């Protein structure tokens, strides 16, 4: 991931080599990852009731929670707008596991990895999920606490279909992957031990 960004929540020192450029549908994301949106919403509602019925000081956590909720949705939005699109493939259906490959290099040398994530999808590119299906994802990359580390510590790929129901957008991102990208993922996947389990797996070239 090379990394100039006009973002609020992301590291502006880098720019994705294949940015997602995707607008997030909040209802779609909520249905896929409901935990944190519910936490922010219910917590804000609780303190709002306390502010109205008990003491005005409870307005302070209400304001803080509203700001945190805004930051959460801003980060989700910037994840898919500025994050790097990577191909993934389904490697298991029960449970559904998706393998995504990338090179964590910061520009010097190579640091290839495969990440396997667990995520249930009702459809993939408008079709019934099956092993081997291509899954477009968009990922953010995270640095190590060690400033001298020459590569990113890890990355967080999320399926595009968790952020949009627009099939044309899903297909646009899927079409951004070259045949070589997909073949590379398959080659690297051969080094990941079976049975597949969620995790990050360094690859030896």
Protein backbone atom coordinates (compact mmCIF):
# COMPACT_ATOMS: atom_id res chain seq x y z
CA UNK A 1 0.00 0.00 0.00
CA UNK A 2 1.70 3.19 -1.13
CA UNK A 3 -0.26 5.79 1.00
CA UNK A 4 -2.17 11.25 0.34
CA UNK A 5 -5.43 11.19 1.87
CA UNK A 6 -8.09 13.72 2.70
CA UNK A 7 -9.31 11.79 5.67
CA UNK A 8 -10.23 12.42 9.29
CA UNK A 9 -9.72 9.02 10.89
CA UNK A 10 -6.90 7.55 8.78
CA UNK A 11 -3.15 7.95 8.55
CA UNK A 12 -2.57 10.54 5.82
CA UNK A 13 1.01 9.40 5.27
CA UNK A 14 -0.06 6.67 2.84
CA UNK A 15 -2.33 6.12 -0.15
CA UNK A 16 -3.95 2.91 -1.35
CA UNK A 17 -2.67 1.49 -4.62
CA UNK A 18 -6.23 0.44 -5.54
CA UNK A 19 -8.62 2.62 -3.49
CA UNK A 20 -12.15 1.34 -3.01
CA UNK A 21 -13.86 4.66 -3.80
CA UNK A 22 -17.08 3.21 -2.35
CA UNK A 23 -19.88 5.05 -0.56
CA UNK A 24 -21.21 3.09 2.42
CA UNK A 25 -24.90 2.31 2.87
CA UNK A 26 -25.37 2.57 6.63
CA UNK A 27 -28.30 0.18 6.76
CA UNK A 28 -26.29 -2.41 4.87
CA UNK A 29 -23.31 -2.03 7.21
CA UNK A 30 -25.58 -2.11 10.27
CA UNK A 31 -27.11 -5.40 9.14
CA UNK A 32 -23.62 -6.86 8.68
CA UNK A 33 -21.91 -5.44 11.77
CA UNK A 34 -24.63 -4.36 14.24
CA UNK A 35 -22.67 -4.51 17.51
CA UNK A 36 -20.95 -1.11 17.67
CA UNK A 37 -23.77 0.93 16.09
CA UNK A 38 -26.13 -0.56 18.69
CA UNK A 39 -23.70 0.16 21.52
CA UNK A 40 -23.40 3.82 20.53
CA UNK A 41 -27.15 4.22 19.94
CA UNK A 42 -28.34 2.53 23.14
CA UNK A 43 -25.70 4.22 25.29
CA UNK A 44 -26.60 7.66 23.94
CA UNK A 45 -30.31 6.94 24.44
CA UNK A 46 -29.71 5.86 28.05
CA UNK A 47 -27.77 8.99 28.96
CA UNK A 48 -30.28 11.16 27.11
CA UNK A 49 -33.05 9.77 29.33
CA UNK A 50 -30.90 10.43 32.40
CA UNK A 51 -30.13 13.97 31.22
CA UNK A 52 -33.82 14.72 30.77
CA UNK A 53 -35.04 13.08 33.93
CA UNK A 54 -32.20 13.15 36.48
CA UNK A 55 -29.49 15.78 35.99
CA UNK A 56 -28.16 18.05 33.27
CA UNK A 57 -24.61 16.71 33.76
CA UNK A 58 -25.66 13.59 31.88
CA UNK A 59 -25.66 15.75 28.75
CA UNK A 60 -21.85 15.50 28.81
CA UNK A 61 -21.74 11.74 28.04
CA UNK A 62 -24.57 12.25 25.53
CA UNK A 63 -22.42 14.72 23.59
CA UNK A 64 -19.34 12.50 23.88
CA UNK A 65 -21.24 9.45 22.65
CA UNK A 66 -22.70 11.39 19.72
CA UNK A 67 -19.16 12.44 18.76
CA UNK A 68 -17.88 8.87 19.11
CA UNK A 69 -20.76 7.62 16.97
CA UNK A 70 -19.91 10.22 14.32
CA UNK A 71 -16.26 9.14 14.40
CA UNK A 72 -17.27 5.48 14.07
CA UNK A 73 -19.34 6.10 10.94
CA UNK A 74 -16.66 8.42 9.56
CA UNK A 75 -14.08 5.67 9.90
CA UNK A 76 -16.36 3.12 8.24
CA UNK A 77 -16.96 5.59 5.38
CA UNK A 78 -13.25 6.29 4.97
CA UNK A 79 -12.41 2.60 5.18
CA UNK A 80 -14.29 1.94 1.94
CA UNK A 81 -13.51 5.27 0.28
CA UNK A 82 -9.74 5.32 0.85
CA UNK A 83 -8.92 1.73 1.82
CA UNK A 84 -7.21 -0.65 -0.58
CA UNK A 85 -9.31 -3.08 -2.62
CA UNK A 86 -8.03 -6.66 -2.52
CA UNK A 87 -9.40 -9.89 -3.99
CA UNK A 88 -10.65 -12.57 -1.66
CA UNK A 89 -11.98 -16.07 -2.25
CA UNK A 90 -14.32 -18.27 -0.25
CA UNK A 91 -12.40 -21.21 1.23
CA UNK A 92 -15.16 -22.65 3.44
CA UNK A 93 -18.94 -22.41 3.72
CA UNK A 94 -19.54 -23.91 7.17
CA UNK A 95 -18.48 -21.61 8.65
CA UNK A 96 -17.96 -19.17 5.82
CA UNK A 97 -14.28 -18.27 5.65
CA UNK A 98 -12.76 -15.83 3.17
CA UNK A 99 -9.06 -15.67 2.29
CA UNK A 100 -7.61 -12.30 1.26
CA UNK A 101 -4.03 -11.70 0.11
CA UNK A 102 -1.89 -8.58 0.13
CA UNK A 103 1.69 -7.40 0.38
CA UNK A 104 2.27 -5.53 3.65
CA UNK A 105 5.42 -3.84 2.33
CA UNK A 106 5.77 -0.10 2.83
CA UNK A 107 7.69 0.15 -0.44
CA UNK A 108 10.94 -1.66 0.29
CA UNK A 109 11.11 -5.40 -0.25
CA UNK A 110 8.11 -7.72 -0.03
CA UNK A 111 6.00 -8.99 2.87
CA UNK A 112 3.21 -11.13 1.40
CA UNK A 113 0.46 -12.41 3.69
CA UNK A 114 -2.89 -14.14 3.52
CA UNK A 115 -5.58 -13.22 6.01
CA UNK A 116 -8.52 -15.51 6.61
CA UNK A 117 -11.65 -13.87 8.00
CA UNK A 118 -14.94 -15.35 9.15
CA UNK A 119 -17.96 -13.60 7.68
CA UNK A 120 -21.35 -14.91 6.54
CA UNK A 121 -22.58 -13.45 3.24
CA UNK A 122 -26.01 -14.20 1.79
CA UNK A 123 -24.77 -13.50 -1.74
CA UNK A 124 -21.50 -12.78 -3.52
CA UNK A 125 -21.59 -10.63 -6.65
CA UNK A 126 -25.30 -11.40 -6.87
CA UNK A 127 -24.79 -15.18 -6.74
CA UNK A 128 -25.16 -17.92 -4.16
CA UNK A 129 -21.89 -18.28 -2.20
CA UNK A 130 -19.72 -21.26 -3.07
CA UNK A 131 -16.17 -22.32 -2.35
CA UNK A 132 -13.80 -20.62 -4.77
CA UNK A 133 -16.07 -17.60 -5.37
CA UNK A 134 -14.31 -14.24 -5.78
CA UNK A 135 -15.07 -11.83 -2.91
CA UNK A 136 -14.17 -8.15 -3.45
CA UNK A 137 -12.88 -6.59 -0.22
CA UNK A 138 -11.52 -3.25 0.93
CA UNK A 139 -8.90 -3.11 3.67
CA UNK A 140 -7.19 -0.69 5.98
CA UNK A 141 -3.55 -1.26 6.92
CA UNK A 142 -2.16 -0.82 10.43
CA UNK A 143 1.39 -0.03 11.46
CA UNK A 144 3.36 -1.66 14.25
CA UNK A 145 4.16 0.17 17.46
CA UNK A 146 7.78 -0.19 16.33
CA UNK A 147 8.48 2.82 14.05
CA UNK A 148 11.44 1.03 12.48
CA UNK A 149 9.40 -1.89 11.17
CA UNK A 150 9.67 -1.91 7.37
CA UNK A 151 6.19 -3.29 6.73
CA UNK A 152 2.64 -2.86 7.96
CA UNK A 153 1.81 -4.99 10.99
CA UNK A 154 -1.55 -6.23 9.70
CA UNK A 155 -4.55 -5.33 7.55
CA UNK A 156 -8.32 -5.47 8.01
CA UNK A 157 -10.20 -6.57 4.88
CA UNK A 158 -14.00 -6.21 4.85
CA UNK A 159 -16.24 -7.61 2.11
CA UNK A 160 -17.62 -4.90 -0.19
CA UNK A 161 -21.10 -6.43 0.02
CA UNK A 162 -21.19 -5.59 3.72
CA UNK A 163 -21.12 -1.91 2.73
CA UNK A 164 -23.31 -1.69 -0.37
CA UNK A 165 -26.21 -3.42 -2.08
CA UNK A 166 -25.32 -1.81 -5.40
CA UNK A 167 -24.28 -4.76 -7.55
CA UNK A 168 -22.66 -2.47 -10.13
CA UNK A 169 -20.32 -1.13 -7.44
CA UNK A 170 -19.46 -4.64 -6.28
CA UNK A 171 -18.71 -5.64 -9.86
CA UNK A 172 -16.67 -2.46 -10.45
CA UNK A 173 -14.34 -3.35 -7.60
CA UNK A 174 -14.21 -7.00 -8.63
CA UNK A 175 -13.18 -5.90 -12.14
CA UNK A 176 -10.29 -3.88 -10.71
CA UNK A 177 -8.44 -7.11 -9.85
CA UNK A 178 -6.19 -8.57 -12.51
CA UNK A 179 -6.05 -12.25 -13.35
CA UNK A 180 -2.54 -12.22 -11.86
CA UNK A 181 -3.88 -10.85 -8.56
CA UNK A 182 -6.31 -13.75 -8.24
CA UNK A 183 -3.80 -16.39 -9.31
CA UNK A 184 -1.32 -14.98 -6.80
CA UNK A 185 -3.90 -15.32 -4.03
CA UNK A 186 -4.47 -18.95 -4.96
CA UNK A 187 -0.73 -19.69 -4.99
CA UNK A 188 -0.19 -18.07 -1.63
CA UNK A 189 -3.21 -19.83 -0.18
CA UNK A 190 -1.51 -23.16 -0.84
CA UNK A 191 0.91 -22.29 1.99
CA UNK A 192 -1.86 -21.72 4.54
CA UNK A 193 -2.33 -24.79 6.76
CA UNK A 194 -5.59 -26.72 6.65
CA UNK A 195 -8.16 -26.87 8.06
CA UNK A 196 -8.44 -23.15 7.46
CA UNK A 197 -8.81 -20.95 10.53
CA UNK A 198 -9.16 -17.16 10.88
CA UNK A 199 -5.78 -15.45 11.21
CA UNK A 200 -2.88 -13.75 9.45
CA UNK A 201 -0.42 -16.02 7.64
CA UNK A 202 2.97 -14.79 6.33
CA UNK A 203 3.90 -16.28 2.95
CA UNK A 204 7.34 -17.42 1.79
CA UNK A 205 7.98 -16.51 -1.84
